[in-house]
């Protein structure tokens, strides 16, 4: 087998393993899941965006089309939102 065929085979295997698992749903996720995901994210990324602490603020909303949760919270006086995927990945942004 030529080197180029081996490279194509390896890349094919690699790309197939990089799916985003969008078929995974978690409408039953609870506050414990959100808290653990967000706090874990903040521990792994200290000081991200100047976020010093996490305080839940309101009801989380599930998006069944994208299979993620929008979780409002407060850090100091800043209104924030965390997008939490069903596998616990987190993206943070400030609400304005």
PDB file of N, CA and C in Angstrom:
ATOM      1  N   UNK A   1       0.860  -1.169   0.000  1.00  0.00           N
ATOM      2  CA  UNK A   1       0.000   0.000   0.000  1.00  0.00           C
ATOM      3  C   UNK A   1       0.906   1.232   0.000  1.00  0.00           C
ATOM      4  N   UNK A   2       0.576   2.208  -0.819  1.00  0.00           N
ATOM      5  CA  UNK A   2       1.412   3.399  -0.927  1.00  0.00           C
ATOM      6  C   UNK A   2       1.225   4.304   0.287  1.00  0.00           C
ATOM      7  N   UNK A   3       2.193   5.175   0.491  1.00  0.00           N
ATOM      8  CA  UNK A   3       2.145   6.112   1.619  1.00  0.00           C
ATOM      9  C   UNK A   3       0.943   7.035   1.518  1.00  0.00           C
ATOM     10  N   UNK A   4       0.582   7.439   0.308  1.00  0.00           N
ATOM     11  CA  UNK A   4      -0.564   8.341   0.161  1.00  0.00           C
ATOM     12  C   UNK A   4      -1.868   7.633   0.523  1.00  0.00           C
ATOM     13  N   UNK A   5      -1.989   6.353   0.198  1.00  0.00           N
ATOM     14  CA  UNK A   5      -3.197   5.610   0.573  1.00  0.00           C
ATOM     15  C   UNK A   5      -3.285   5.432   2.084  1.00  0.00           C
ATOM     16  N   UNK A   6      -2.148   5.181   2.706  1.00  0.00           N
ATOM     17  CA  UNK A   6      -2.121   5.054   4.159  1.00  0.00           C
ATOM     18  C   UNK A   6      -2.531   6.384   4.798  1.00  0.00           C
ATOM     19  N   UNK A   7      -2.020   7.490   4.273  1.00  0.00           N
ATOM     20  CA  UNK A   7      -2.361   8.811   4.807  1.00  0.00           C
ATOM     21  C   UNK A   7      -3.856   9.091   4.667  1.00  0.00           C
ATOM     22  N   UNK A   8      -4.427   8.749   3.512  1.00  0.00           N
ATOM     23  CA  UNK A   8      -5.868   8.949   3.296  1.00  0.00           C
ATOM     24  C   UNK A   8      -6.666   8.088   4.267  1.00  0.00           C
ATOM     25  N   UNK A   9      -6.252   6.853   4.466  1.00  0.00           N
ATOM     26  CA  UNK A   9      -6.946   5.964   5.393  1.00  0.00           C
ATOM     27  C   UNK A   9      -6.904   6.508   6.820  1.00  0.00           C
ATOM     28  N   UNK A  10      -5.745   6.966   7.247  1.00  0.00           N
ATOM     29  CA  UNK A  10      -5.601   7.522   8.598  1.00  0.00           C
ATOM     30  C   UNK A  10      -6.447   8.776   8.758  1.00  0.00           C
ATOM     31  N   UNK A  11      -6.438   9.658   7.768  1.00  0.00           N
ATOM     32  CA  UNK A  11      -7.241  10.884   7.849  1.00  0.00           C
ATOM     33  C   UNK A  11      -8.736  10.560   7.884  1.00  0.00           C
ATOM     34  N   UNK A  12      -9.155   9.562   7.116  1.00  0.00           N
ATOM     35  CA  UNK A  12     -10.564   9.164   7.115  1.00  0.00           C
ATOM     36  C   UNK A  12     -10.980   8.683   8.498  1.00  0.00           C
ATOM     37  N   UNK A  13     -10.168   7.864   9.114  1.00  0.00           N
ATOM     38  CA  UNK A  13     -10.465   7.372  10.463  1.00  0.00           C
ATOM     39  C   UNK A  13     -10.497   8.538  11.446  1.00  0.00           C
ATOM     40  N   UNK A  14      -9.526   9.442  11.332  1.00  0.00           N
ATOM     41  CA  UNK A  14      -9.451  10.587  12.235  1.00  0.00           C
ATOM     42  C   UNK A  14     -10.680  11.480  12.100  1.00  0.00           C
ATOM     43  N   UNK A  15     -11.066  11.802  10.883  1.00  0.00           N
ATOM     44  CA  UNK A  15     -12.208  12.695  10.652  1.00  0.00           C
ATOM     45  C   UNK A  15     -13.495  12.057  11.136  1.00  0.00           C
ATOM     46  N   UNK A  16     -13.672  10.757  10.946  1.00  0.00           N
ATOM     47  CA  UNK A  16     -14.875  10.093  11.424  1.00  0.00           C
ATOM     48  C   UNK A  16     -14.978  10.148  12.938  1.00  0.00           C
ATOM     49  N   UNK A  17     -13.864  10.193  13.620  1.00  0.00           N
ATOM     50  CA  UNK A  17     -13.868  10.265  15.076  1.00  0.00           C
ATOM     51  C   UNK A  17     -14.078  11.651  15.623  1.00  0.00           C
ATOM     52  N   UNK A  18     -14.184  12.651  14.739  1.00  0.00           N
ATOM     53  CA  UNK A  18     -14.305  14.041  15.185  1.00  0.00           C
ATOM     54  C   UNK A  18     -15.724  14.560  15.118  1.00  0.00           C
ATOM     55  N   UNK A  19     -16.721  13.708  15.033  1.00  0.00           N
ATOM     56  CA  UNK A  19     -18.101  14.160  14.981  1.00  0.00           C
ATOM     57  C   UNK A  19     -18.475  14.894  16.257  1.00  0.00           C
ATOM     58  N   UNK A  20     -19.532  15.709  16.184  1.00  0.00           N
ATOM     59  CA  UNK A  20     -19.923  16.498  17.358  1.00  0.00           C
ATOM     60  C   UNK A  20     -21.004  15.824  18.180  1.00  0.00           C
ATOM     61  N   UNK A  21     -21.361  14.578  17.838  1.00  0.00           N
ATOM     62  CA  UNK A  21     -22.381  13.835  18.588  1.00  0.00           C
ATOM     63  C   UNK A  21     -23.680  14.611  18.731  1.00  0.00           C
ATOM     64  N   UNK A  22     -24.094  15.325  17.665  1.00  0.00           N
ATOM     65  CA  UNK A  22     -25.283  16.154  17.737  1.00  0.00           C
ATOM     66  C   UNK A  22     -26.556  15.335  17.919  1.00  0.00           C
ATOM     67  N   UNK A  23     -26.474  14.004  17.759  1.00  0.00           N
ATOM     68  CA  UNK A  23     -27.648  13.174  17.955  1.00  0.00           C
ATOM     69  C   UNK A  23     -27.876  12.853  19.431  1.00  0.00           C
ATOM     70  N   UNK A  24     -26.971  13.262  20.296  1.00  0.00           N
ATOM     71  CA  UNK A  24     -27.112  13.041  21.728  1.00  0.00           C
ATOM     72  C   UNK A  24     -28.026  14.127  22.290  1.00  0.00           C
ATOM     73  N   UNK A  25     -29.046  13.718  23.007  1.00  0.00           N
ATOM     74  CA  UNK A  25     -29.938  14.700  23.617  1.00  0.00           C
ATOM     75  C   UNK A  25     -29.928  14.531  25.129  1.00  0.00           C
ATOM     76  N   UNK A  26     -30.269  15.594  25.836  1.00  0.00           N
ATOM     77  CA  UNK A  26     -30.249  15.536  27.299  1.00  0.00           C
ATOM     78  C   UNK A  26     -31.304  16.465  27.898  1.00  0.00           C
ATOM     79  N   UNK A  27     -32.558  16.336  27.469  1.00  0.00           N
ATOM     80  CA  UNK A  27     -33.579  17.239  28.011  1.00  0.00           C
ATOM     81  C   UNK A  27     -33.836  17.038  29.498  1.00  0.00           C
ATOM     82  N   UNK A  28     -33.328  15.944  30.054  1.00  0.00           N
ATOM     83  CA  UNK A  28     -33.546  15.670  31.475  1.00  0.00           C
ATOM     84  C   UNK A  28     -32.411  16.194  32.356  1.00  0.00           C
ATOM     85  N   UNK A  29     -31.424  16.868  31.762  1.00  0.00           N
ATOM     86  CA  UNK A  29     -30.302  17.389  32.559  1.00  0.00           C
ATOM     87  C   UNK A  29     -30.828  18.279  33.682  1.00  0.00           C
ATOM     88  N   UNK A  30     -30.098  18.276  34.786  1.00  0.00           N
ATOM     89  CA  UNK A  30     -30.563  19.029  35.952  1.00  0.00           C
ATOM     90  C   UNK A  30     -29.517  20.044  36.408  1.00  0.00           C
ATOM     91  N   UNK A  31     -29.858  20.771  37.450  1.00  0.00           N
ATOM     92  CA  UNK A  31     -28.988  21.834  37.980  1.00  0.00           C
ATOM     93  C   UNK A  31     -27.621  21.280  38.367  1.00  0.00           C
ATOM     94  N   UNK A  32     -27.561  20.084  38.885  1.00  0.00           N
ATOM     95  CA  UNK A  32     -26.274  19.488  39.271  1.00  0.00           C
ATOM     96  C   UNK A  32     -25.366  19.342  38.048  1.00  0.00           C
ATOM     97  N   UNK A  33     -25.932  18.877  36.922  1.00  0.00           N
ATOM     98  CA  UNK A  33     -25.171  18.755  35.682  1.00  0.00           C
ATOM     99  C   UNK A  33     -24.651  20.115  35.230  1.00  0.00           C
ATOM    100  N   UNK A  34     -25.515  21.145  35.252  1.00  0.00           N
ATOM    101  CA  UNK A  34     -25.097  22.497  34.844  1.00  0.00           C
ATOM    102  C   UNK A  34     -24.002  23.022  35.765  1.00  0.00           C
ATOM    103  N   UNK A  35     -24.237  22.906  37.067  1.00  0.00           N
ATOM    104  CA  UNK A  35     -23.259  23.401  38.042  1.00  0.00           C
ATOM    105  C   UNK A  35     -21.901  22.737  37.855  1.00  0.00           C
ATOM    106  N   UNK A  36     -21.895  21.407  37.732  1.00  0.00           N
ATOM    107  CA  UNK A  36     -20.637  20.685  37.566  1.00  0.00           C
ATOM    108  C   UNK A  36     -19.942  21.068  36.259  1.00  0.00           C
ATOM    109  N   UNK A  37     -20.712  21.205  35.186  1.00  0.00           N
ATOM    110  CA  UNK A  37     -20.129  21.553  33.886  1.00  0.00           C
ATOM    111  C   UNK A  37     -19.529  22.949  33.909  1.00  0.00           C
ATOM    112  N   UNK A  38     -20.269  23.920  34.424  1.00  0.00           N
ATOM    113  CA  UNK A  38     -19.809  25.314  34.429  1.00  0.00           C
ATOM    114  C   UNK A  38     -18.656  25.497  35.403  1.00  0.00           C
ATOM    115  N   UNK A  39     -18.794  24.972  36.608  1.00  0.00           N
ATOM    116  CA  UNK A  39     -17.707  25.098  37.583  1.00  0.00           C
ATOM    117  C   UNK A  39     -16.450  24.382  37.088  1.00  0.00           C
ATOM    118  N   UNK A  40     -16.613  23.224  36.474  1.00  0.00           N
ATOM    119  CA  UNK A  40     -15.468  22.511  35.915  1.00  0.00           C
ATOM    120  C   UNK A  40     -14.791  23.315  34.820  1.00  0.00           C
ATOM    121  N   UNK A  41     -15.595  23.961  33.967  1.00  0.00           N
ATOM    122  CA  UNK A  41     -15.042  24.805  32.909  1.00  0.00           C
ATOM    123  C   UNK A  41     -14.245  25.967  33.506  1.00  0.00           C
ATOM    124  N   UNK A  42     -14.804  26.596  34.520  1.00  0.00           N
ATOM    125  CA  UNK A  42     -14.111  27.729  35.156  1.00  0.00           C
ATOM    126  C   UNK A  42     -12.828  27.285  35.847  1.00  0.00           C
ATOM    127  N   UNK A  43     -12.822  26.084  36.426  1.00  0.00           N
ATOM    128  CA  UNK A  43     -11.602  25.570  37.060  1.00  0.00           C
ATOM    129  C   UNK A  43     -10.517  25.268  36.023  1.00  0.00           C
ATOM    130  N   UNK A  44     -10.929  24.753  34.866  1.00  0.00           N
ATOM    131  CA  UNK A  44      -9.962  24.442  33.797  1.00  0.00           C
ATOM    132  C   UNK A  44      -9.483  25.689  33.062  1.00  0.00           C
ATOM    133  N   UNK A  45     -10.253  26.776  33.156  1.00  0.00           N
ATOM    134  CA  UNK A  45      -9.939  28.025  32.462  1.00  0.00           C
ATOM    135  C   UNK A  45     -10.016  29.191  33.444  1.00  0.00           C
ATOM    136  N   UNK A  46      -9.128  29.220  34.426  1.00  0.00           N
ATOM    137  CA  UNK A  46      -9.230  30.260  35.473  1.00  0.00           C
ATOM    138  C   UNK A  46      -9.128  31.655  34.881  1.00  0.00           C
ATOM    139  N   UNK A  47      -9.998  32.505  35.370  1.00  0.00           N
ATOM    140  CA  UNK A  47      -9.965  33.911  34.963  1.00  0.00           C
ATOM    141  C   UNK A  47     -10.536  34.185  33.589  1.00  0.00           C
ATOM    142  N   UNK A  48     -11.166  33.201  32.945  1.00  0.00           N
ATOM    143  CA  UNK A  48     -11.728  33.429  31.613  1.00  0.00           C
ATOM    144  C   UNK A  48     -12.737  34.565  31.649  1.00  0.00           C
ATOM    145  N   UNK A  49     -12.477  35.586  30.886  1.00  0.00           N
ATOM    146  CA  UNK A  49     -13.394  36.719  30.806  1.00  0.00           C
ATOM    147  C   UNK A  49     -13.579  37.455  32.115  1.00  0.00           C
ATOM    148  N   UNK A  50     -12.665  37.275  33.054  1.00  0.00           N
ATOM    149  CA  UNK A  50     -12.785  37.944  34.340  1.00  0.00           C
ATOM    150  C   UNK A  50     -13.891  37.385  35.217  1.00  0.00           C
ATOM    151  N   UNK A  51     -14.312  36.165  34.966  1.00  0.00           N
ATOM    152  CA  UNK A  51     -15.383  35.550  35.749  1.00  0.00           C
ATOM    153  C   UNK A  51     -14.783  34.971  37.024  1.00  0.00           C
ATOM    154  N   UNK A  52     -15.161  35.550  38.147  1.00  0.00           N
ATOM    155  CA  UNK A  52     -14.593  35.155  39.429  1.00  0.00           C
ATOM    156  C   UNK A  52     -15.380  34.021  40.089  1.00  0.00           C
ATOM    157  N   UNK A  53     -16.681  34.003  39.905  1.00  0.00           N
ATOM    158  CA  UNK A  53     -17.504  32.968  40.514  1.00  0.00           C
ATOM    159  C   UNK A  53     -18.767  32.762  39.686  1.00  0.00           C
ATOM    160  N   UNK A  54     -19.493  31.730  40.039  1.00  0.00           N
ATOM    161  CA  UNK A  54     -20.699  31.321  39.317  1.00  0.00           C
ATOM    162  C   UNK A  54     -21.859  31.241  40.294  1.00  0.00           C
ATOM    163  N   UNK A  55     -22.924  31.983  39.999  1.00  0.00           N
ATOM    164  CA  UNK A  55     -24.138  31.935  40.803  1.00  0.00           C
ATOM    165  C   UNK A  55     -25.326  31.760  39.863  1.00  0.00           C
ATOM    166  N   UNK A  56     -26.029  30.599  39.902  1.00  0.00           N
ATOM    167  CA  UNK A  56     -27.186  30.403  39.021  1.00  0.00           C
ATOM    168  C   UNK A  56     -28.177  31.555  39.152  1.00  0.00           C
ATOM    169  N   UNK A  57     -28.810  31.919  38.036  1.00  0.00           N
ATOM    170  CA  UNK A  57     -29.730  33.059  38.042  1.00  0.00           C
ATOM    171  C   UNK A  57     -30.843  32.816  37.024  1.00  0.00           C
ATOM    172  N   UNK A  58     -31.873  32.107  37.427  1.00  0.00           N
ATOM    173  CA  UNK A  58     -32.995  31.850  36.529  1.00  0.00           C
ATOM    174  C   UNK A  58     -33.022  30.422  36.021  1.00  0.00           C
ATOM    175  N   UNK A  59     -34.003  30.160  35.185  1.00  0.00           N
ATOM    176  CA  UNK A  59     -34.233  28.818  34.665  1.00  0.00           C
ATOM    177  C   UNK A  59     -33.404  28.556  33.411  1.00  0.00           C
ATOM    178  N   UNK A  60     -32.847  27.379  33.340  1.00  0.00           N
ATOM    179  CA  UNK A  60     -32.133  26.943  32.137  1.00  0.00           C
ATOM    180  C   UNK A  60     -33.164  26.573  31.070  1.00  0.00           C
ATOM    181  N   UNK A  61     -32.807  26.799  29.806  1.00  0.00           N
ATOM    182  CA  UNK A  61     -33.707  26.514  28.690  1.00  0.00           C
ATOM    183  C   UNK A  61     -33.024  25.528  27.753  1.00  0.00           C
ATOM    184  N   UNK A  62     -33.725  24.442  27.441  1.00  0.00           N
ATOM    185  CA  UNK A  62     -33.180  23.415  26.551  1.00  0.00           C
ATOM    186  C   UNK A  62     -33.551  23.709  25.106  1.00  0.00           C
ATOM    187  N   UNK A  63     -32.577  23.623  24.216  1.00  0.00           N
ATOM    188  CA  UNK A  63     -32.778  23.781  22.777  1.00  0.00           C
ATOM    189  C   UNK A  63     -32.704  22.389  22.154  1.00  0.00           C
ATOM    190  N   UNK A  64     -33.851  21.802  21.856  1.00  0.00           N
ATOM    191  CA  UNK A  64     -33.884  20.429  21.349  1.00  0.00           C
ATOM    192  C   UNK A  64     -33.364  20.313  19.922  1.00  0.00           C
ATOM    193  N   UNK A  65     -33.345  21.411  19.183  1.00  0.00           N
ATOM    194  CA  UNK A  65     -32.797  21.375  17.826  1.00  0.00           C
ATOM    195  C   UNK A  65     -31.278  21.211  17.856  1.00  0.00           C
ATOM    196  N   UNK A  66     -30.621  21.951  18.747  1.00  0.00           N
ATOM    197  CA  UNK A  66     -29.157  21.911  18.851  1.00  0.00           C
ATOM    198  C   UNK A  66     -28.653  21.008  19.969  1.00  0.00           C
ATOM    199  N   UNK A  67     -29.563  20.532  20.810  1.00  0.00           N
ATOM    200  CA  UNK A  67     -29.209  19.669  21.945  1.00  0.00           C
ATOM    201  C   UNK A  67     -28.229  20.352  22.893  1.00  0.00           C
ATOM    202  N   UNK A  68     -28.586  21.569  23.319  1.00  0.00           N
ATOM    203  CA  UNK A  68     -27.790  22.239  24.328  1.00  0.00           C
ATOM    204  C   UNK A  68     -28.705  23.049  25.231  1.00  0.00           C
ATOM    205  N   UNK A  69     -28.135  23.458  26.321  1.00  0.00           N
ATOM    206  CA  UNK A  69     -28.860  24.249  27.317  1.00  0.00           C
ATOM    207  C   UNK A  69     -28.308  25.664  27.365  1.00  0.00           C
ATOM    208  N   UNK A  70     -29.184  26.639  27.547  1.00  0.00           N
ATOM    209  CA  UNK A  70     -28.794  28.022  27.848  1.00  0.00           C
ATOM    210  C   UNK A  70     -29.033  28.198  29.337  1.00  0.00           C
ATOM    211  N   UNK A  71     -27.954  28.489  30.056  1.00  0.00           N
ATOM    212  CA  UNK A  71     -28.024  28.553  31.513  1.00  0.00           C
ATOM    213  C   UNK A  71     -27.623  29.951  31.970  1.00  0.00           C
ATOM    214  N   UNK A  72     -28.583  30.756  32.445  1.00  0.00           N
ATOM    215  CA  UNK A  72     -28.239  32.093  32.931  1.00  0.00           C
ATOM    216  C   UNK A  72     -27.571  32.027  34.304  1.00  0.00           C
ATOM    217  N   UNK A  73     -26.582  32.916  34.497  1.00  0.00           N
ATOM    218  CA  UNK A  73     -25.939  33.010  35.802  1.00  0.00           C
ATOM    219  C   UNK A  73     -25.373  34.404  35.991  1.00  0.00           C
ATOM    220  N   UNK A  74     -24.957  34.672  37.215  1.00  0.00           N
ATOM    221  CA  UNK A  74     -24.394  35.973  37.572  1.00  0.00           C
ATOM    222  C   UNK A  74     -22.974  35.753  38.077  1.00  0.00           C
ATOM    223  N   UNK A  75     -22.079  36.629  37.661  1.00  0.00           N
ATOM    224  CA  UNK A  75     -20.726  36.662  38.207  1.00  0.00           C
ATOM    225  C   UNK A  75     -20.454  38.100  38.586  1.00  0.00           C
ATOM    226  N   UNK A  76     -20.308  38.339  39.877  1.00  0.00           N
ATOM    227  CA  UNK A  76     -20.267  39.699  40.406  1.00  0.00           C
ATOM    228  C   UNK A  76     -21.554  40.386  39.953  1.00  0.00           C
ATOM    229  N   UNK A  77     -21.498  41.524  39.293  1.00  0.00           N
ATOM    230  CA  UNK A  77     -22.718  42.207  38.854  1.00  0.00           C
ATOM    231  C   UNK A  77     -23.019  41.934  37.380  1.00  0.00           C
ATOM    232  N   UNK A  78     -22.279  41.024  36.767  1.00  0.00           N
ATOM    233  CA  UNK A  78     -22.441  40.757  35.333  1.00  0.00           C
ATOM    234  C   UNK A  78     -23.446  39.637  35.085  1.00  0.00           C
ATOM    235  N   UNK A  79     -24.379  39.898  34.187  1.00  0.00           N
ATOM    236  CA  UNK A  79     -25.334  38.876  33.763  1.00  0.00           C
ATOM    237  C   UNK A  79     -24.674  38.046  32.663  1.00  0.00           C
ATOM    238  N   UNK A  80     -24.582  36.747  32.875  1.00  0.00           N
ATOM    239  CA  UNK A  80     -23.888  35.864  31.957  1.00  0.00           C
ATOM    240  C   UNK A  80     -24.830  34.767  31.480  1.00  0.00           C
ATOM    241  N   UNK A  81     -24.425  34.110  30.409  1.00  0.00           N
ATOM    242  CA  UNK A  81     -25.132  32.923  29.939  1.00  0.00           C
ATOM    243  C   UNK A  81     -24.097  31.871  29.568  1.00  0.00           C
ATOM    244  N   UNK A  82     -24.372  30.650  29.958  1.00  0.00           N
ATOM    245  CA  UNK A  82     -23.517  29.523  29.595  1.00  0.00           C
ATOM    246  C   UNK A  82     -24.307  28.644  28.637  1.00  0.00           C
ATOM    247  N   UNK A  83     -23.692  28.299  27.520  1.00  0.00           N
ATOM    248  CA  UNK A  83     -24.252  27.308  26.616  1.00  0.00           C
ATOM    249  C   UNK A  83     -23.580  25.993  27.000  1.00  0.00           C
ATOM    250  N   UNK A  84     -24.376  25.031  27.431  1.00  0.00           N
ATOM    251  CA  UNK A  84     -23.850  23.758  27.921  1.00  0.00           C
ATOM    252  C   UNK A  84     -24.350  22.643  27.003  1.00  0.00           C
ATOM    253  N   UNK A  85     -23.401  21.941  26.373  1.00  0.00           N
ATOM    254  CA  UNK A  85     -23.773  20.822  25.504  1.00  0.00           C
ATOM    255  C   UNK A  85     -24.060  19.594  26.359  1.00  0.00           C
ATOM    256  N   UNK A  86     -24.640  18.602  25.740  1.00  0.00           N
ATOM    257  CA  UNK A  86     -25.019  17.392  26.469  1.00  0.00           C
ATOM    258  C   UNK A  86     -23.826  16.596  26.982  1.00  0.00           C
ATOM    259  N   UNK A  87     -22.637  16.861  26.440  1.00  0.00           N
ATOM    260  CA  UNK A  87     -21.446  16.177  26.952  1.00  0.00           C
ATOM    261  C   UNK A  87     -20.689  17.048  27.954  1.00  0.00           C
ATOM    262  N   UNK A  88     -21.288  18.175  28.354  1.00  0.00           N
ATOM    263  CA  UNK A  88     -20.696  19.014  29.384  1.00  0.00           C
ATOM    264  C   UNK A  88     -19.770  20.105  28.888  1.00  0.00           C
ATOM    265  N   UNK A  89     -19.606  20.246  27.568  1.00  0.00           N
ATOM    266  CA  UNK A  89     -18.787  21.360  27.055  1.00  0.00           C
ATOM    267  C   UNK A  89     -19.513  22.668  27.301  1.00  0.00           C
ATOM    268  N   UNK A  90     -18.748  23.736  27.536  1.00  0.00           N
ATOM    269  CA  UNK A  90     -19.332  25.009  27.952  1.00  0.00           C
ATOM    270  C   UNK A  90     -18.752  26.156  27.131  1.00  0.00           C
ATOM    271  N   UNK A  91     -19.628  27.076  26.734  1.00  0.00           N
ATOM    272  CA  UNK A  91     -19.235  28.354  26.143  1.00  0.00           C
ATOM    273  C   UNK A  91     -19.914  29.429  26.990  1.00  0.00           C
ATOM    274  N   UNK A  92     -19.153  30.473  27.313  1.00  0.00           N
ATOM    275  CA  UNK A  92     -19.671  31.545  28.169  1.00  0.00           C
ATOM    276  C   UNK A  92     -19.770  32.842  27.387  1.00  0.00           C
ATOM    277  N   UNK A  93     -20.786  33.638  27.702  1.00  0.00           N
ATOM    278  CA  UNK A  93     -20.882  34.973  27.127  1.00  0.00           C
ATOM    279  C   UNK A  93     -21.649  35.873  28.086  1.00  0.00           C
ATOM    280  N   UNK A  94     -21.406  37.163  27.928  1.00  0.00           N
ATOM    281  CA  UNK A  94     -22.078  38.152  28.773  1.00  0.00           C
ATOM    282  C   UNK A  94     -23.361  38.603  28.084  1.00  0.00           C
ATOM    283  N   UNK A  95     -24.445  38.712  28.863  1.00  0.00           N
ATOM    284  CA  UNK A  95     -25.709  39.219  28.330  1.00  0.00           C
ATOM    285  C   UNK A  95     -25.667  40.735  28.395  1.00  0.00           C
ATOM    286  N   UNK A  96     -26.099  41.370  27.332  1.00  0.00           N
ATOM    287  CA  UNK A  96     -26.116  42.844  27.323  1.00  0.00           C
ATOM    288  C   UNK A  96     -27.479  43.356  27.036  1.00  0.00           C
TER     289      UNK A  96
END
